[in-house]
Amino acid sequence: MIDRVHVLVQAGDGGNGTTSFDNRSDKKFVPSGGDGGNGARVVVRVSENAPPLEEYQFKQHWIAENGANGGPNHKRGRNGLDLVLLVPEGTRLYDRGRALVIRETMHKGEEFVLLEGGRGGKGNSVGKESTSGQKGAQIDLEISMRILADVFLAGLPNSGKSTLMNRLTRSRIPAEIYPFSTRDPRFGVYKISDYESLKLCEMPSVARGSSEGKGLGNHFLRHVESAKLVLFMLDPVSLFAPSLAEGWQILQEELAAAVPTLEQLPQAVLVNKMDLGEAVQKPGGEKFDPGVPLFLISAQSGEGLGALETFLKDFYQSTHKTR
């Protein structure tokens, strides 16, 4: 998944005014040049039908339509049709040339004019010559997407995140047995009721050194900043951490490197694979206490998921209280 692209965007140029004369019956020539049309604007609109950002990467120059030139007999040129850029909810727009944030997080239904088109030139009139249309404004634009989800699921490689996502959201995410199988954020909806739900996002696996670019790196982890709740998944028999405490430390350190506000976000820990005999004794034997709500579960068998689901429903109610 591409979540950041750079594109050059240009509004349309104004059409040129025209120089022309009417030959009247009294043999006098009267100026009659028409004005040029205005260049098209560039409009940004949040839409559910927005293409993925990959499409903007394939086409890096977006140029709006120019205004038409004016014609004789005071005929005005046609205005250019607006160029509408559809973007997904959560989009951030940044002017690279001026180092300026244009919009931080755009929401559903939002729309605004990014660039104005050039004004059309004037046709010749009595005592005046025709003029050229103005150039349309242009911008070196960075379009980045901020993942908007209620709950983010982060964990060590092969900890069972995809299996849990499938259990909670009835998704069909491939749950591979090898590490780093989740290479992009994956989404699902956990239904509280017919009209209430939580949007869940499974992040790519985190390992020691992710913040330095190792493994899959921490490219997507910055999106956790928008979370209402972060669920950390630990594997008691992990090859990437000899103990639950060390696994917890790795996750905290690596995410904190990408999300400075991590400590301020509500968190809970899920110790998975409690259906395995060698995993059962670990939490108690280590006296593992992360200092946040802790759930011993098996995403494979469903053990302990009742308590987790009660927690998620209570969390939803506490964060969606009617004012």
Foldseek 3Di string as FASTA:
>chain_A
DDFKDKAKEWWAWWAWWAFDWDQDPVRDTFTFIAWWAWTAFEKEAEDPPADPCVVCRVPRYHYFHYTHYTDGRRRYTHYTHHHYHYDHFQKWKAFPVVRGTPGGTHHHGDMDTPWTTWHIWGYDHVPGHIGHTGTTDMTGMMIGGQDAFAEEEEEAFQLCPVLLQCVQFVDDDDNDNGGQPPLAKDWGWGDPDPPDIGIYIYHGYFAACLCVPPDSHCVNLLSCLNYQEYEYGYECPDPRDVAPVRRVVRVVVRSCSNHVCVVVHAYEYEHEDCVDPVRVCRCVVVVDDPPHHYFYAYSVPGPRVVVVVVVVSVSRCVVPPDD
